[in-house]
PDB file of all heavy atoms in Angstrom:
ATOM      1  N   GLU A   1       0.808  -1.185  -0.071  1.00  0.00           N
ATOM      2  CA  GLU A   1       0.103  -0.018   0.059  1.00  0.00           C
ATOM      3  C   GLU A   1       0.878   1.215  -0.040  1.00  0.00           C
ATOM      4  O   GLU A   1       1.753   1.374   0.866  1.00  0.00           O
ATOM      5  CB  GLU A   1      -0.977   0.059   1.193  1.00  0.00           C
ATOM      6  CG  GLU A   1      -1.863  -1.227   1.330  1.00  0.00           C
ATOM      7  CD  GLU A   1      -2.887  -1.113   0.124  1.00  0.00           C
ATOM      8  OE1 GLU A   1      -3.032  -0.034  -0.486  1.00  0.00           O
ATOM      9  OE2 GLU A   1      -3.525  -2.158  -0.132  1.00  0.00           O
ATOM     10  N   ALA A   2       0.663   2.032  -0.993  1.00  0.00           N
ATOM     11  CA  ALA A   2       1.513   3.294  -1.150  1.00  0.00           C
ATOM     12  C   ALA A   2       1.373   4.256   0.048  1.00  0.00           C
ATOM     13  O   ALA A   2       2.382   4.876   0.446  1.00  0.00           O
ATOM     14  CB  ALA A   2       1.187   3.897  -2.539  1.00  0.00           C
ATOM     15  N   GLU A   3       0.177   4.374   0.534  1.00  0.00           N
ATOM     16  CA  GLU A   3      -0.073   5.274   1.532  1.00  0.00           C
ATOM     17  C   GLU A   3       0.649   4.976   2.829  1.00  0.00           C
ATOM     18  O   GLU A   3       0.748   5.806   3.787  1.00  0.00           O
ATOM     19  CB  GLU A   3      -1.628   5.501   1.901  1.00  0.00           C
ATOM     20  CG  GLU A   3      -2.281   4.216   2.436  1.00  0.00           C
ATOM     21  CD  GLU A   3      -2.710   3.196   1.359  1.00  0.00           C
ATOM     22  OE1 GLU A   3      -2.370   3.528   0.201  1.00  0.00           O
ATOM     23  OE2 GLU A   3      -3.290   2.215   1.764  1.00  0.00           O
ATOM     24  N   ALA A   4       1.103   3.672   3.066  1.00  0.00           N
ATOM     25  CA  ALA A   4       1.823   3.261   4.214  1.00  0.00           C
ATOM     26  C   ALA A   4       3.376   3.430   4.043  1.00  0.00           C
ATOM     27  O   ALA A   4       4.087   3.093   5.011  1.00  0.00           O
ATOM     28  CB  ALA A   4       1.412   1.713   4.494  1.00  0.00           C
ATOM     29  N   LEU A   5       3.785   3.864   2.907  1.00  0.00           N
ATOM     30  CA  LEU A   5       5.270   3.867   2.580  1.00  0.00           C
ATOM     31  C   LEU A   5       5.954   5.231   3.073  1.00  0.00           C
ATOM     32  O   LEU A   5       5.094   6.267   2.980  1.00  0.00           O
ATOM     33  CB  LEU A   5       5.570   3.654   1.053  1.00  0.00           C
ATOM     34  CG  LEU A   5       5.070   2.137   0.652  1.00  0.00           C
ATOM     35  CD1 LEU A   5       5.344   2.098  -0.874  1.00  0.00           C
ATOM     36  CD2 LEU A   5       5.862   1.173   1.393  1.00  0.00           C
ATOM     37  N   ARG A   6       7.064   5.287   3.253  1.00  0.00           N
ATOM     38  CA  ARG A   6       7.780   6.491   3.547  1.00  0.00           C
ATOM     39  C   ARG A   6       8.147   7.165   2.184  1.00  0.00           C
ATOM     40  O   ARG A   6       8.435   6.448   1.165  1.00  0.00           O
ATOM     41  CB  ARG A   6       9.094   6.186   4.306  1.00  0.00           C
ATOM     42  CG  ARG A   6       9.997   7.454   4.607  1.00  0.00           C
ATOM     43  CD  ARG A   6      11.094   7.120   5.518  1.00  0.00           C
ATOM     44  NE  ARG A   6      11.985   6.041   4.922  1.00  0.00           N
ATOM     45  CZ  ARG A   6      13.142   6.386   4.231  1.00  0.00           C
ATOM     46  NH1 ARG A   6      13.441   7.720   4.113  1.00  0.00           N
ATOM     47  NH2 ARG A   6      13.885   5.494   3.843  1.00  0.00           N
ATOM     48  N   PHE A   7       8.012   8.542   2.104  1.00  0.00           N
ATOM     49  CA  PHE A   7       8.285   9.206   0.882  1.00  0.00           C
ATOM     50  C   PHE A   7       8.879  10.634   1.164  1.00  0.00           C
ATOM     51  O   PHE A   7       8.709  11.116   2.207  1.00  0.00           O
ATOM     52  CB  PHE A   7       6.920   9.378   0.025  1.00  0.00           C
ATOM     53  CG  PHE A   7       5.844  10.152   0.664  1.00  0.00           C
ATOM     54  CD1 PHE A   7       5.951  11.637   0.572  1.00  0.00           C
ATOM     55  CD2 PHE A   7       4.884   9.587   1.527  1.00  0.00           C
ATOM     56  CE1 PHE A   7       4.878  12.362   1.138  1.00  0.00           C
ATOM     57  CE2 PHE A   7       3.974  10.336   2.114  1.00  0.00           C
ATOM     58  CZ  PHE A   7       3.956  11.707   1.949  1.00  0.00           C
ATOM     59  N   GLU A   8       9.571  11.087   0.110  1.00  0.00           N
ATOM     60  CA  GLU A   8      10.047  12.470   0.047  1.00  0.00           C
ATOM     61  C   GLU A   8       9.586  13.189  -1.081  1.00  0.00           C
ATOM     62  O   GLU A   8       9.504  12.592  -2.192  1.00  0.00           O
ATOM     63  CB  GLU A   8      11.675  12.381   0.176  1.00  0.00           C
ATOM     64  CG  GLU A   8      12.220  11.764   1.441  1.00  0.00           C
ATOM     65  CD  GLU A   8      13.750  11.591   1.250  1.00  0.00           C
ATOM     66  OE1 GLU A   8      14.320  12.012   0.235  1.00  0.00           O
ATOM     67  OE2 GLU A   8      14.342  11.224   2.314  1.00  0.00           O
ATOM     68  N   VAL A   9       9.411  14.379  -1.028  1.00  0.00           N
ATOM     69  CA  VAL A   9       8.911  15.192  -2.146  1.00  0.00           C
ATOM     70  C   VAL A   9       9.716  16.503  -2.174  1.00  0.00           C
ATOM     71  O   VAL A   9      10.009  17.094  -1.146  1.00  0.00           O
ATOM     72  CB  VAL A   9       7.325  15.492  -2.091  1.00  0.00           C
ATOM     73  CG1 VAL A   9       7.098  16.269  -0.882  1.00  0.00           C
ATOM     74  CG2 VAL A   9       6.946  16.128  -3.339  1.00  0.00           C
ATOM     75  N   ARG A  10      10.135  16.920  -3.459  1.00  0.00           N
ATOM     76  CA  ARG A  10      11.030  18.042  -3.590  1.00  0.00           C
ATOM     77  C   ARG A  10      10.581  19.146  -4.498  1.00  0.00           C
ATOM     78  O   ARG A  10      11.115  20.006  -4.824  1.00  0.00           O
ATOM     79  CB  ARG A  10      12.443  17.638  -4.165  1.00  0.00           C
ATOM     80  CG  ARG A  10      13.177  16.642  -3.197  1.00  0.00           C
ATOM     81  CD  ARG A  10      14.200  15.902  -3.864  1.00  0.00           C
ATOM     82  NE  ARG A  10      14.658  14.747  -2.863  1.00  0.00           N
ATOM     83  CZ  ARG A  10      15.501  13.740  -3.292  1.00  0.00           C
ATOM     84  NH1 ARG A  10      15.955  13.692  -4.400  1.00  0.00           N
ATOM     85  NH2 ARG A  10      15.850  12.799  -2.396  1.00  0.00           N
ATOM     86  N   SER A  11       9.187  18.858  -4.900  1.00  0.00           N
ATOM     87  CA  SER A  11       8.449  20.052  -5.489  1.00  0.00           C
ATOM     88  C   SER A  11       6.976  19.567  -5.375  1.00  0.00           C
ATOM     89  O   SER A  11       6.646  18.291  -5.267  1.00  0.00           O
ATOM     90  CB  SER A  11       8.817  20.232  -6.953  1.00  0.00           C
ATOM     91  OG  SER A  11       8.317  19.104  -7.795  1.00  0.00           O
ATOM     92  N   GLY A  12       6.155  20.553  -5.290  1.00  0.00           N
ATOM     93  CA  GLY A  12       4.645  20.397  -5.004  1.00  0.00           C
ATOM     94  C   GLY A  12       4.519  19.785  -3.640  1.00  0.00           C
ATOM     95  O   GLY A  12       5.301  19.884  -2.723  1.00  0.00           O
ATOM     96  N   THR A  13       3.332  19.120  -3.451  1.00  0.00           N
ATOM     97  CA  THR A  13       3.055  18.517  -2.104  1.00  0.00           C
ATOM     98  C   THR A  13       2.454  17.145  -2.303  1.00  0.00           C
ATOM     99  O   THR A  13       1.917  16.762  -3.357  1.00  0.00           O
ATOM    100  CB  THR A  13       1.973  19.381  -1.429  1.00  0.00           C
ATOM    101  OG1 THR A  13       0.770  19.427  -2.140  1.00  0.00           O
ATOM    102  CG2 THR A  13       2.454  20.696  -1.023  1.00  0.00           C
ATOM    103  N   ALA A  14       2.751  16.241  -1.338  1.00  0.00           N
ATOM    104  CA  ALA A  14       2.280  14.843  -1.349  1.00  0.00           C
ATOM    105  C   ALA A  14       1.600  14.544  -0.058  1.00  0.00           C
ATOM    106  O   ALA A  14       2.069  14.851   1.010  1.00  0.00           O
ATOM    107  CB  ALA A  14       3.413  13.879  -1.583  1.00  0.00           C
ATOM    108  N   VAL A  15       0.454  14.028  -0.146  1.00  0.00           N
ATOM    109  CA  VAL A  15      -0.406  13.567   1.030  1.00  0.00           C
ATOM    110  C   VAL A  15      -1.062  12.167   0.760  1.00  0.00           C
ATOM    111  O   VAL A  15      -1.131  11.710  -0.389  1.00  0.00           O
ATOM    112  CB  VAL A  15      -1.522  14.634   1.360  1.00  0.00           C
ATOM    113  CG1 VAL A  15      -0.842  15.985   1.729  1.00  0.00           C
ATOM    114  CG2 VAL A  15      -2.418  14.763   0.179  1.00  0.00           C
ATOM    115  N   VAL A  16      -1.535  11.588   1.823  1.00  0.00           N
ATOM    116  CA  VAL A  16      -2.444  10.504   1.772  1.00  0.00           C
ATOM    117  C   VAL A  16      -3.867  10.898   1.539  1.00  0.00           C
ATOM    118  O   VAL A  16      -4.326  11.746   2.312  1.00  0.00           O
ATOM    119  CB  VAL A  16      -2.241   9.537   3.001  1.00  0.00           C
ATOM    120  CG1 VAL A  16      -3.353   8.476   2.901  1.00  0.00           C
ATOM    121  CG2 VAL A  16      -0.844   9.034   3.169  1.00  0.00           C
ATOM    122  N   GLN A  17      -4.486  10.406   0.480  1.00  0.00           N
ATOM    123  CA  GLN A  17      -5.862  10.801   0.154  1.00  0.00           C
ATOM    124  C   GLN A  17      -6.827   9.628   0.396  1.00  0.00           C
ATOM    125  O   GLN A  17      -6.518   8.489   0.019  1.00  0.00           O
ATOM    126  CB  GLN A  17      -5.930  11.248  -1.299  1.00  0.00           C
ATOM    127  CG  GLN A  17      -7.341  11.713  -1.709  1.00  0.00           C
ATOM    128  CD  GLN A  17      -7.392  12.082  -3.169  1.00  0.00           C
ATOM    129  OE1 GLN A  17      -6.559  11.556  -4.003  1.00  0.00           O
ATOM    130  NE2 GLN A  17      -8.368  12.910  -3.576  1.00  0.00           N
ATOM    131  N   GLU A  18      -7.824   9.906   1.122  1.00  0.00           N
ATOM    132  CA  GLU A  18      -8.973   8.963   1.264  1.00  0.00           C
ATOM    133  C   GLU A  18     -10.186   9.235   0.339  1.00  0.00           C
ATOM    134  O   GLU A  18     -10.438  10.402   0.164  1.00  0.00           O
ATOM    135  CB  GLU A  18      -9.469   8.884   2.689  1.00  0.00           C
ATOM    136  CG  GLU A  18      -8.291   8.547   3.661  1.00  0.00           C
ATOM    137  CD  GLU A  18      -8.893   8.285   5.050  1.00  0.00           C
ATOM    138  OE1 GLU A  18     -10.024   8.074   5.215  1.00  0.00           O
ATOM    139  OE2 GLU A  18      -7.934   8.431   6.007  1.00  0.00           O
ATOM    140  N   SER A  19     -10.883   8.249  -0.070  1.00  0.00           N
ATOM    141  CA  SER A  19     -11.958   8.555  -0.911  1.00  0.00           C
ATOM    142  C   SER A  19     -12.849   7.301  -1.082  1.00  0.00           C
ATOM    143  O   SER A  19     -12.502   6.155  -0.626  1.00  0.00           O
ATOM    144  CB  SER A  19     -11.483   8.953  -2.363  1.00  0.00           C
ATOM    145  OG  SER A  19     -12.584   9.128  -3.287  1.00  0.00           O
ATOM    146  N   THR A  20     -13.927   7.353  -1.866  1.00  0.00           N
ATOM    147  CA  THR A  20     -14.705   6.179  -2.052  1.00  0.00           C
ATOM    148  C   THR A  20     -14.383   5.619  -3.415  1.00  0.00           C
ATOM    149  O   THR A  20     -15.029   4.597  -3.896  1.00  0.00           O
ATOM    150  CB  THR A  20     -16.317   6.509  -2.142  1.00  0.00           C
ATOM    151  OG1 THR A  20     -16.465   7.689  -3.064  1.00  0.00           O
ATOM    152  CG2 THR A  20     -16.579   6.988  -0.817  1.00  0.00           C
ATOM    153  N   ILE A  21     -13.347   6.059  -4.196  1.00  0.00           N
ATOM    154  CA  ILE A  21     -12.909   5.391  -5.398  1.00  0.00           C
ATOM    155  C   ILE A  21     -12.395   4.102  -5.048  1.00  0.00           C
ATOM    156  O   ILE A  21     -12.015   3.821  -3.837  1.00  0.00           O
ATOM    157  CB  ILE A  21     -11.877   6.247  -6.153  1.00  0.00           C
ATOM    158  CG1 ILE A  21     -11.702   5.715  -7.522  1.00  0.00           C
ATOM    159  CG2 ILE A  21     -10.587   6.366  -5.332  1.00  0.00           C
ATOM    160  CD1 ILE A  21     -10.649   6.583  -8.327  1.00  0.00           C
ATOM    161  N   GLU A  22     -12.266   3.115  -5.909  1.00  0.00           N
ATOM    162  CA  GLU A  22     -11.986   1.770  -5.638  1.00  0.00           C
ATOM    163  C   GLU A  22     -10.390   1.432  -5.349  1.00  0.00           C
ATOM    164  O   GLU A  22      -9.889   0.515  -5.842  1.00  0.00           O
ATOM    165  CB  GLU A  22     -12.418   0.872  -6.769  1.00  0.00           C
ATOM    166  CG  GLU A  22     -13.888   0.889  -7.053  1.00  0.00           C
ATOM    167  CD  GLU A  22     -14.844   0.561  -5.840  1.00  0.00           C
ATOM    168  OE1 GLU A  22     -14.409  -0.165  -5.044  1.00  0.00           O
ATOM    169  OE2 GLU A  22     -15.920   1.129  -5.842  1.00  0.00           O
ATOM    170  N   TRP A  23      -9.835   2.426  -4.516  1.00  0.00           N
ATOM    171  CA  TRP A  23      -8.384   2.178  -4.246  1.00  0.00           C
ATOM    172  C   TRP A  23      -8.367   0.971  -3.217  1.00  0.00           C
ATOM    173  O   TRP A  23      -9.240   0.712  -2.391  1.00  0.00           O
ATOM    174  CB  TRP A  23      -7.878   3.358  -3.580  1.00  0.00           C
ATOM    175  CG  TRP A  23      -7.699   4.455  -4.381  1.00  0.00           C
ATOM    176  CD1 TRP A  23      -7.159   4.483  -5.716  1.00  0.00           C
ATOM    177  CD2 TRP A  23      -7.904   5.894  -4.136  1.00  0.00           C
ATOM    178  NE1 TRP A  23      -7.106   5.814  -6.223  1.00  0.00           N
ATOM    179  CE2 TRP A  23      -7.565   6.676  -5.235  1.00  0.00           C
ATOM    180  CE3 TRP A  23      -8.437   6.516  -3.017  1.00  0.00           C
ATOM    181  CZ2 TRP A  23      -7.767   8.057  -5.338  1.00  0.00           C
ATOM    182  CZ3 TRP A  23      -8.526   7.959  -3.017  1.00  0.00           C
ATOM    183  CH2 TRP A  23      -8.253   8.699  -4.129  1.00  0.00           C
ATOM    184  N   SER A  24      -7.280   0.238  -3.405  1.00  0.00           N
ATOM    185  CA  SER A  24      -7.010  -0.837  -2.298  1.00  0.00           C
ATOM    186  C   SER A  24      -6.757  -0.092  -0.947  1.00  0.00           C
ATOM    187  O   SER A  24      -6.053   0.846  -0.854  1.00  0.00           O
ATOM    188  CB  SER A  24      -5.801  -1.663  -2.633  1.00  0.00           C
ATOM    189  OG  SER A  24      -5.481  -2.617  -1.648  1.00  0.00           O
ATOM    190  N   ASP A  25      -7.413  -0.655   0.157  1.00  0.00           N
ATOM    191  CA  ASP A  25      -7.415  -0.053   1.418  1.00  0.00           C
ATOM    192  C   ASP A  25      -8.054   1.470   1.366  1.00  0.00           C
ATOM    193  O   ASP A  25      -7.889   2.212   2.390  1.00  0.00           O
ATOM    194  CB  ASP A  25      -5.957   0.073   1.965  1.00  0.00           C
ATOM    195  CG  ASP A  25      -5.951   0.257   3.513  1.00  0.00           C
ATOM    196  OD1 ASP A  25      -6.909  -0.291   4.190  1.00  0.00           O
ATOM    197  OD2 ASP A  25      -5.079   0.906   4.010  1.00  0.00           O
ATOM    198  N   GLU A  26      -8.629   1.795   0.257  1.00  0.00           N
ATOM    199  CA  GLU A  26      -9.407   2.934   0.160  1.00  0.00           C
ATOM    200  C   GLU A  26      -8.699   4.202   0.258  1.00  0.00           C
ATOM    201  O   GLU A  26      -9.107   5.347   0.723  1.00  0.00           O
ATOM    202  CB  GLU A  26     -10.718   2.953   0.979  1.00  0.00           C
ATOM    203  CG  GLU A  26     -11.627   1.846   0.693  1.00  0.00           C
ATOM    204  CD  GLU A  26     -12.824   1.835   1.575  1.00  0.00           C
ATOM    205  OE1 GLU A  26     -12.876   2.547   2.679  1.00  0.00           O
ATOM    206  OE2 GLU A  26     -13.757   1.163   1.256  1.00  0.00           O
ATOM    207  N   ARG A  27      -7.289   4.172   0.091  1.00  0.00           N
ATOM    208  CA  ARG A  27      -6.354   5.299   0.066  1.00  0.00           C
ATOM    209  C   ARG A  27      -5.325   5.297  -0.952  1.00  0.00           C
ATOM    210  O   ARG A  27      -5.019   4.240  -1.596  1.00  0.00           O
ATOM    211  CB  ARG A  27      -5.757   5.421   1.505  1.00  0.00           C
ATOM    212  CG  ARG A  27      -6.711   5.620   2.677  1.00  0.00           C
ATOM    213  CD  ARG A  27      -6.000   5.678   4.005  1.00  0.00           C
ATOM    214  NE  ARG A  27      -5.297   4.359   4.334  1.00  0.00           N
ATOM    215  CZ  ARG A  27      -4.461   4.211   5.327  1.00  0.00           C
ATOM    216  NH1 ARG A  27      -4.137   5.296   5.999  1.00  0.00           N
ATOM    217  NH2 ARG A  27      -3.916   3.040   5.493  1.00  0.00           N
ATOM    218  N   GLN A  28      -4.770   6.449  -1.260  1.00  0.00           N
ATOM    219  CA  GLN A  28      -3.639   6.438  -2.243  1.00  0.00           C
ATOM    220  C   GLN A  28      -2.687   7.481  -1.708  1.00  0.00           C
ATOM    221  O   GLN A  28      -2.919   8.382  -0.947  1.00  0.00           O
ATOM    222  CB  GLN A  28      -4.054   6.776  -3.602  1.00  0.00           C
ATOM    223  CG  GLN A  28      -4.593   8.229  -3.773  1.00  0.00           C
ATOM    224  CD  GLN A  28      -4.490   8.658  -5.270  1.00  0.00           C
ATOM    225  OE1 GLN A  28      -4.111   7.897  -6.160  1.00  0.00           O
ATOM    226  NE2 GLN A  28      -5.098   9.916  -5.573  1.00  0.00           N
ATOM    227  N   LEU A  29      -1.432   7.444  -2.322  1.00  0.00           N
ATOM    228  CA  LEU A  29      -0.407   8.450  -2.163  1.00  0.00           C
ATOM    229  C   LEU A  29      -0.758   9.399  -3.325  1.00  0.00           C
ATOM    230  O   LEU A  29      -0.600   9.061  -4.416  1.00  0.00           O
ATOM    231  CB  LEU A  29       0.946   7.975  -2.245  1.00  0.00           C
ATOM    232  CG  LEU A  29       2.167   8.960  -2.223  1.00  0.00           C
ATOM    233  CD1 LEU A  29       2.020   9.730  -0.798  1.00  0.00           C
ATOM    234  CD2 LEU A  29       3.451   8.124  -2.199  1.00  0.00           C
ATOM    235  N   TRP A  30      -0.870  10.751  -3.047  1.00  0.00           N
ATOM    236  CA  TRP A  30      -1.358  11.697  -3.932  1.00  0.00           C
ATOM    237  C   TRP A  30      -0.333  12.819  -4.098  1.00  0.00           C
ATOM    238  O   TRP A  30      -0.049  13.503  -3.075  1.00  0.00           O
ATOM    239  CB  TRP A  30      -2.734  12.162  -3.458  1.00  0.00           C
ATOM    240  CG  TRP A  30      -3.412  13.173  -4.423  1.00  0.00           C
ATOM    241  CD1 TRP A  30      -3.302  13.303  -5.737  1.00  0.00           C
ATOM    242  CD2 TRP A  30      -4.337  14.170  -4.011  1.00  0.00           C
ATOM    243  NE1 TRP A  30      -4.127  14.260  -6.180  1.00  0.00           N
ATOM    244  CE2 TRP A  30      -4.817  14.769  -5.199  1.00  0.00           C
ATOM    245  CE3 TRP A  30      -4.897  14.581  -2.765  1.00  0.00           C
ATOM    246  CZ2 TRP A  30      -5.754  15.910  -5.138  1.00  0.00           C
ATOM    247  CZ3 TRP A  30      -5.814  15.644  -2.812  1.00  0.00           C
ATOM    248  CH2 TRP A  30      -6.180  16.234  -3.992  1.00  0.00           C
ATOM    249  N   TRP A  31       0.221  13.080  -5.233  1.00  0.00           N
ATOM    250  CA  TRP A  31       1.313  14.095  -5.495  1.00  0.00           C
ATOM    251  C   TRP A  31       0.642  15.156  -6.285  1.00  0.00           C
ATOM    252  O   TRP A  31       0.077  14.984  -7.468  1.00  0.00           O
ATOM    253  CB  TRP A  31       2.451  13.488  -6.210  1.00  0.00           C
ATOM    254  CG  TRP A  31       3.654  14.429  -6.245  1.00  0.00           C
ATOM    255  CD1 TRP A  31       4.026  15.397  -5.589  1.00  0.00           C
ATOM    256  CD2 TRP A  31       4.717  14.217  -7.355  1.00  0.00           C
ATOM    257  NE1 TRP A  31       5.100  16.018  -5.892  1.00  0.00           N
ATOM    258  CE2 TRP A  31       5.629  15.353  -7.001  1.00  0.00           C
ATOM    259  CE3 TRP A  31       4.917  13.412  -8.342  1.00  0.00           C
ATOM    260  CZ2 TRP A  31       6.705  15.497  -7.755  1.00  0.00           C
ATOM    261  CZ3 TRP A  31       6.065  13.659  -9.111  1.00  0.00           C
ATOM    262  CH2 TRP A  31       6.980  14.691  -8.813  1.00  0.00           C
ATOM    263  N   GLN A  32       0.561  16.438  -5.749  1.00  0.00           N
ATOM    264  CA  GLN A  32      -0.096  17.523  -6.440  1.00  0.00           C
ATOM    265  C   GLN A  32       0.890  18.599  -6.724  1.00  0.00           C
ATOM    266  O   GLN A  32       1.866  19.001  -6.055  1.00  0.00           O
ATOM    267  CB  GLN A  32      -1.132  18.160  -5.383  1.00  0.00           C
ATOM    268  CG  GLN A  32      -2.042  17.181  -4.822  1.00  0.00           C
ATOM    269  CD  GLN A  32      -2.776  17.824  -3.634  1.00  0.00           C
ATOM    270  OE1 GLN A  32      -3.619  18.627  -3.725  1.00  0.00           O
ATOM    271  NE2 GLN A  32      -2.493  17.241  -2.424  1.00  0.00           N
ATOM    272  N   ASP A  33       0.704  19.280  -7.980  1.00  0.00           N
ATOM    273  CA  ASP A  33       1.394  20.465  -8.450  1.00  0.00           C
ATOM    274  C   ASP A  33       2.891  20.414  -8.526  1.00  0.00           C
ATOM    275  O   ASP A  33       3.595  21.280  -8.024  1.00  0.00           O
ATOM    276  CB  ASP A  33       1.025  21.714  -7.612  1.00  0.00           C
ATOM    277  CG  ASP A  33      -0.504  21.963  -7.542  1.00  0.00           C
ATOM    278  OD1 ASP A  33      -1.121  22.007  -8.652  1.00  0.00           O
ATOM    279  OD2 ASP A  33      -1.070  21.922  -6.512  1.00  0.00           O
ATOM    280  N   PRO A  34       3.396  19.172  -9.042  1.00  0.00           N
ATOM    281  CA  PRO A  34       4.827  19.229  -9.142  1.00  0.00           C
ATOM    282  C   PRO A  34       5.331  20.028 -10.344  1.00  0.00           C
ATOM    283  O   PRO A  34       4.592  20.260 -11.272  1.00  0.00           O
ATOM    284  CB  PRO A  34       5.075  17.584  -9.388  1.00  0.00           C
ATOM    285  CG  PRO A  34       3.860  17.223 -10.171  1.00  0.00           C
ATOM    286  CD  PRO A  34       2.763  18.014  -9.528  1.00  0.00           C
ATOM    287  N   GLU A  35       6.583  20.394 -10.167  1.00  0.00           N
ATOM    288  CA  GLU A  35       7.161  21.095 -11.310  1.00  0.00           C
ATOM    289  C   GLU A  35       7.604  20.228 -12.441  1.00  0.00           C
ATOM    290  O   GLU A  35       8.158  19.070 -12.177  1.00  0.00           O
ATOM    291  CB  GLU A  35       8.438  21.920 -10.841  1.00  0.00           C
ATOM    292  CG  GLU A  35       8.145  22.950  -9.654  1.00  0.00           C
ATOM    293  CD  GLU A  35       9.456  23.516  -9.145  1.00  0.00           C
ATOM    294  OE1 GLU A  35      10.546  23.227  -9.663  1.00  0.00           O
ATOM    295  OE2 GLU A  35       9.413  24.351  -8.253  1.00  0.00           O
ATOM    296  N   VAL A  36       7.399  20.663 -13.660  1.00  0.00           N
ATOM    297  CA  VAL A  36       7.802  19.818 -14.803  1.00  0.00           C
ATOM    298  C   VAL A  36       9.274  19.831 -14.897  1.00  0.00           C
ATOM    299  O   VAL A  36       9.927  20.829 -14.876  1.00  0.00           O
ATOM    300  CB  VAL A  36       7.238  20.458 -16.092  1.00  0.00           C
ATOM    301  CG1 VAL A  36       7.734  19.647 -17.404  1.00  0.00           C
ATOM    302  CG2 VAL A  36       5.771  20.491 -16.071  1.00  0.00           C
ATOM    303  N   GLY A  37       9.756  18.550 -14.690  1.00  0.00           N
ATOM    304  CA  GLY A  37      11.341  18.383 -14.748  1.00  0.00           C
ATOM    305  C   GLY A  37      11.978  18.797 -13.483  1.00  0.00           C
ATOM    306  O   GLY A  37      13.218  18.796 -13.330  1.00  0.00           O
ATOM    307  N   GLY A  38      11.080  19.162 -12.522  1.00  0.00           N
ATOM    308  CA  GLY A  38      11.745  19.665 -11.181  1.00  0.00           C
ATOM    309  C   GLY A  38      11.921  18.429 -10.221  1.00  0.00           C
ATOM    310  O   GLY A  38      12.208  17.350 -10.581  1.00  0.00           O
ATOM    311  N   GLY A  39      11.860  18.808  -8.996  1.00  0.00           N
ATOM    312  CA  GLY A  39      12.131  17.799  -7.870  1.00  0.00           C
ATOM    313  C   GLY A  39      11.208  16.646  -7.939  1.00  0.00           C
ATOM    314  O   GLY A  39       9.963  16.798  -8.119  1.00  0.00           O
ATOM    315  N   PRO A  40      11.692  15.501  -7.779  1.00  0.00           N
ATOM    316  CA  PRO A  40      10.883  14.274  -7.851  1.00  0.00           C
ATOM    317  C   PRO A  40      10.121  13.913  -6.581  1.00  0.00           C
ATOM    318  O   PRO A  40      10.429  14.541  -5.540  1.00  0.00           O
ATOM    319  CB  PRO A  40      11.856  13.162  -8.126  1.00  0.00           C
ATOM    320  CG  PRO A  40      13.046  13.661  -7.467  1.00  0.00           C
ATOM    321  CD  PRO A  40      13.166  15.165  -7.496  1.00  0.00           C
ATOM    322  N   LEU A  41       9.288  12.976  -6.739  1.00  0.00           N
ATOM    323  CA  LEU A  41       8.656  12.244  -5.531  1.00  0.00           C
ATOM    324  C   LEU A  41       9.429  11.002  -5.480  1.00  0.00           C
ATOM    325  O   LEU A  41       9.536  10.279  -6.488  1.00  0.00           O
ATOM    326  CB  LEU A  41       7.294  11.972  -5.926  1.00  0.00           C
ATOM    327  CG  LEU A  41       6.509  10.980  -4.998  1.00  0.00           C
ATOM    328  CD1 LEU A  41       6.315  11.517  -3.501  1.00  0.00           C
ATOM    329  CD2 LEU A  41       5.183  10.545  -5.463  1.00  0.00           C
TER     330      LEU A  41
END
């Protein structure tokens, strides 16, 4: 499960997102507004 993993982000923001979409464990790791060619997740 991605939401249970350690992560680092160097552009944009990354959070654990909950929803009713059919994600396993009903959560995902969500990366928002990264720079093109910029810091990775």
